Amino acid sequence: MAVSQDDLVCFFDALALAHQSTDVFGGINQHVSITPDIHMTREGVRFTLKALFSVFRAVQINAVQINKACTYPAFQKQLYSGSLHHTLQAKGYSVVIVENHGKISRNVYCLKVVDA
């Protein structure tokens, strides 16, 4: 099964909800690590694409038993599809580069929930 835009939108919804829940209930002082390369900060959820893919794939395989053929290139292609950015914006999310290391795979991004 290929990676769908709906899968990614649901995944970003879950990350945003986890961030909001952590911020509301536990307070975020510095950061809360989900993995070594995914952290909850006051600003949002910081991640590298490789780390995001690893968590996405683990969640999808455990939750809905998707085909294990879900690959990083397919994941990356769907992330950069034209409409995903607009869909996330419509839901009040913004994904920005917070550390530019010159390569997409090495950059650090942040998912932010934009105040309406």
C-alpha atoms as a PDB file:
ATOM      1  CA  MET A   1       0.000   0.000   0.000  1.00  0.00           C
ATOM      2  CA  ALA A   2       1.373   3.411  -0.923  1.00  0.00           C
ATOM      3  CA  VAL A   3       1.595   6.338   1.446  1.00  0.00           C
ATOM      4  CA  SER A   4      -1.494   8.492   1.035  1.00  0.00           C
ATOM      5  CA  GLN A   5      -1.980  12.152   1.774  1.00  0.00           C
ATOM      6  CA  ASP A   6      -4.762  11.198   4.212  1.00  0.00           C
ATOM      7  CA  ASP A   7      -2.297   8.990   6.119  1.00  0.00           C
ATOM      8  CA  LEU A   8       0.112  11.901   6.428  1.00  0.00           C
ATOM      9  CA  VAL A   9      -2.578  14.393   7.455  1.00  0.00           C
ATOM     10  CA  CYS A  10      -3.789  12.009  10.194  1.00  0.00           C
ATOM     11  CA  PHE A  11      -0.194  11.545  11.340  1.00  0.00           C
ATOM     12  CA  PHE A  12       0.374  15.319  11.541  1.00  0.00           C
ATOM     13  CA  ASP A  13      -2.951  15.616  13.425  1.00  0.00           C
ATOM     14  CA  ALA A  14      -1.668  13.080  15.962  1.00  0.00           C
ATOM     15  CA  LEU A  15       1.652  14.912  16.357  1.00  0.00           C
ATOM     16  CA  ALA A  16      -0.142  18.244  16.846  1.00  0.00           C
ATOM     17  CA  LEU A  17      -2.514  16.701  19.396  1.00  0.00           C
ATOM     18  CA  ALA A  18       0.403  15.099  21.255  1.00  0.00           C
ATOM     19  CA  HIS A  19       2.146  18.461  21.339  1.00  0.00           C
ATOM     20  CA  GLN A  20      -0.935  20.295  22.588  1.00  0.00           C
ATOM     21  CA  SER A  21      -1.605  17.621  25.224  1.00  0.00           C
ATOM     22  CA  THR A  22       1.986  17.710  26.451  1.00  0.00           C
ATOM     23  CA  ASP A  23       1.962  21.489  26.559  1.00  0.00           C
ATOM     24  CA  VAL A  24      -1.382  21.718  28.374  1.00  0.00           C
ATOM     25  CA  PHE A  25      -1.008  18.853  30.831  1.00  0.00           C
ATOM     26  CA  GLY A  26       2.699  18.569  31.432  1.00  0.00           C
ATOM     27  CA  GLY A  27       4.094  21.878  30.343  1.00  0.00           C
ATOM     28  CA  ILE A  28       7.075  21.889  28.042  1.00  0.00           C
ATOM     29  CA  ASN A  29      10.172  23.362  29.639  1.00  0.00           C
ATOM     30  CA  GLN A  30      12.974  22.434  27.259  1.00  0.00           C
ATOM     31  CA  HIS A  31      11.846  19.503  25.148  1.00  0.00           C
ATOM     32  CA  VAL A  32      10.259  16.090  25.415  1.00  0.00           C
ATOM     33  CA  SER A  33      11.909  13.465  23.231  1.00  0.00           C
ATOM     34  CA  ILE A  34       9.829  11.025  21.248  1.00  0.00           C
ATOM     35  CA  THR A  35      12.938   9.670  19.514  1.00  0.00           C
ATOM     36  CA  PRO A  36      16.490  11.068  19.393  1.00  0.00           C
ATOM     37  CA  ASP A  37      15.461  13.184  16.382  1.00  0.00           C
ATOM     38  CA  ILE A  38      11.859  14.116  17.270  1.00  0.00           C
ATOM     39  CA  HIS A  39      11.281  16.531  20.139  1.00  0.00           C
ATOM     40  CA  MET A  40       8.354  18.451  21.573  1.00  0.00           C
ATOM     41  CA  THR A  41       9.369  22.048  22.239  1.00  0.00           C
ATOM     42  CA  ARG A  42       7.366  25.124  23.191  1.00  0.00           C
ATOM     43  CA  GLU A  43       7.333  26.086  19.503  1.00  0.00           C
ATOM     44  CA  GLY A  44       6.091  22.739  18.202  1.00  0.00           C
ATOM     45  CA  VAL A  45       7.317  19.300  17.177  1.00  0.00           C
ATOM     46  CA  ARG A  46      10.885  19.323  15.798  1.00  0.00           C
ATOM     47  CA  PHE A  47      12.006  16.483  13.552  1.00  0.00           C
ATOM     48  CA  THR A  48      14.233  15.258  10.767  1.00  0.00           C
ATOM     49  CA  LEU A  49      12.505  13.588   7.819  1.00  0.00           C
ATOM     50  CA  LYS A  50      14.214  10.239   8.480  1.00  0.00           C
ATOM     51  CA  ALA A  51      13.003  10.262  12.097  1.00  0.00           C
ATOM     52  CA  LEU A  52       9.514  11.315  11.031  1.00  0.00           C
ATOM     53  CA  PHE A  53       9.425   8.455   8.528  1.00  0.00           C
ATOM     54  CA  SER A  54      10.575   5.914  11.140  1.00  0.00           C
ATOM     55  CA  VAL A  55       7.806   6.899  13.553  1.00  0.00           C
ATOM     56  CA  PHE A  56       5.205   7.177  10.768  1.00  0.00           C
ATOM     57  CA  ARG A  57       6.029   3.719   9.489  1.00  0.00           C
ATOM     58  CA  ALA A  58       6.013   2.163  12.977  1.00  0.00           C
ATOM     59  CA  VAL A  59       2.669   3.768  13.821  1.00  0.00           C
ATOM     60  CA  GLN A  60       1.101   2.764  10.518  1.00  0.00           C
ATOM     61  CA  ILE A  61       2.357  -0.825  10.671  1.00  0.00           C
ATOM     62  CA  ASN A  62       1.161  -1.219  14.273  1.00  0.00           C
ATOM     63  CA  ALA A  63      -2.158   0.597  13.846  1.00  0.00           C
ATOM     64  CA  VAL A  64      -3.474  -0.605  10.513  1.00  0.00           C
ATOM     65  CA  GLN A  65      -1.058  -3.278   9.332  1.00  0.00           C
ATOM     66  CA  ILE A  66      -0.070  -1.482   6.127  1.00  0.00           C
ATOM     67  CA  ASN A  67       2.216  -3.082   3.620  1.00  0.00           C
ATOM     68  CA  LYS A  68       5.779  -3.017   4.927  1.00  0.00           C
ATOM     69  CA  ALA A  69       6.841  -1.892   1.458  1.00  0.00           C
ATOM     70  CA  CYS A  70       6.191   1.710   2.515  1.00  0.00           C
ATOM     71  CA  THR A  71       9.523   3.260   1.539  1.00  0.00           C
ATOM     72  CA  TYR A  72      11.290   6.458   2.503  1.00  0.00           C
ATOM     73  CA  PRO A  73      11.286   7.740  -1.132  1.00  0.00           C
ATOM     74  CA  ALA A  74       7.497   7.189  -1.378  1.00  0.00           C
ATOM     75  CA  PHE A  75       7.035   8.932   1.976  1.00  0.00           C
ATOM     76  CA  GLN A  76       9.205  11.861   0.871  1.00  0.00           C
ATOM     77  CA  LYS A  77       7.373  12.143  -2.461  1.00  0.00           C
ATOM     78  CA  GLN A  78       3.999  12.362  -0.710  1.00  0.00           C
ATOM     79  CA  LEU A  79       5.356  14.944   1.762  1.00  0.00           C
ATOM     80  CA  TYR A  80       6.294  17.198  -1.117  1.00  0.00           C
ATOM     81  CA  SER A  81       3.103  16.687  -3.086  1.00  0.00           C
ATOM     82  CA  GLY A  82       1.525  19.984  -4.014  1.00  0.00           C
ATOM     83  CA  SER A  83      -1.634  19.764  -1.962  1.00  0.00           C
ATOM     84  CA  LEU A  84      -0.319  18.457   1.380  1.00  0.00           C
ATOM     85  CA  HIS A  85       1.076  21.848   2.371  1.00  0.00           C
ATOM     86  CA  HIS A  86      -2.255  23.536   1.623  1.00  0.00           C
ATOM     87  CA  THR A  87      -4.208  20.858   3.497  1.00  0.00           C
ATOM     88  CA  LEU A  88      -2.004  21.284   6.571  1.00  0.00           C
ATOM     89  CA  GLN A  89      -2.349  25.075   6.360  1.00  0.00           C
ATOM     90  CA  ALA A  90      -6.142  24.768   6.205  1.00  0.00           C
ATOM     91  CA  LYS A  91      -5.996  22.720   9.423  1.00  0.00           C
ATOM     92  CA  GLY A  92      -3.935  25.448  11.109  1.00  0.00           C
ATOM     93  CA  TYR A  93      -0.523  23.779  10.845  1.00  0.00           C
ATOM     94  CA  SER A  94       2.744  25.159   9.583  1.00  0.00           C
ATOM     95  CA  VAL A  95       5.871  23.113   8.833  1.00  0.00           C
ATOM     96  CA  VAL A  96       9.019  25.227   8.737  1.00  0.00           C
ATOM     97  CA  ILE A  97      12.744  24.600   8.495  1.00  0.00           C
ATOM     98  CA  VAL A  98      14.379  25.501  11.813  1.00  0.00           C
ATOM     99  CA  GLU A  99      17.881  24.196  11.051  1.00  0.00           C
ATOM    100  CA  ASN A 100      19.050  24.252   7.445  1.00  0.00           C
ATOM    101  CA  HIS A 101      21.922  21.828   6.871  1.00  0.00           C
ATOM    102  CA  GLY A 102      21.870  22.133   3.085  1.00  0.00           C
ATOM    103  CA  LYS A 103      20.144  18.816   2.392  1.00  0.00           C
ATOM    104  CA  ILE A 104      16.469  17.958   2.802  1.00  0.00           C
ATOM    105  CA  SER A 105      17.344  14.756   4.658  1.00  0.00           C
ATOM    106  CA  ARG A 106      19.589  16.585   7.160  1.00  0.00           C
ATOM    107  CA  ASN A 107      17.421  19.641   7.832  1.00  0.00           C
ATOM    108  CA  VAL A 108      15.445  19.945  11.055  1.00  0.00           C
ATOM    109  CA  TYR A 109      11.786  20.925  10.643  1.00  0.00           C
ATOM    110  CA  CYS A 110       9.126  22.064  13.070  1.00  0.00           C
ATOM    111  CA  LEU A 111       5.397  21.371  12.977  1.00  0.00           C
ATOM    112  CA  LYS A 112       3.641  24.355  14.538  1.00  0.00           C
ATOM    113  CA  VAL A 113      -0.012  24.862  15.294  1.00  0.00           C
ATOM    114  CA  VAL A 114      -0.806  28.344  14.040  1.00  0.00           C
ATOM    115  CA  ASP A 115      -3.171  30.391  16.191  1.00  0.00           C
ATOM    116  CA  ALA A 116      -6.368  31.209  14.374  1.00  0.00           C
END
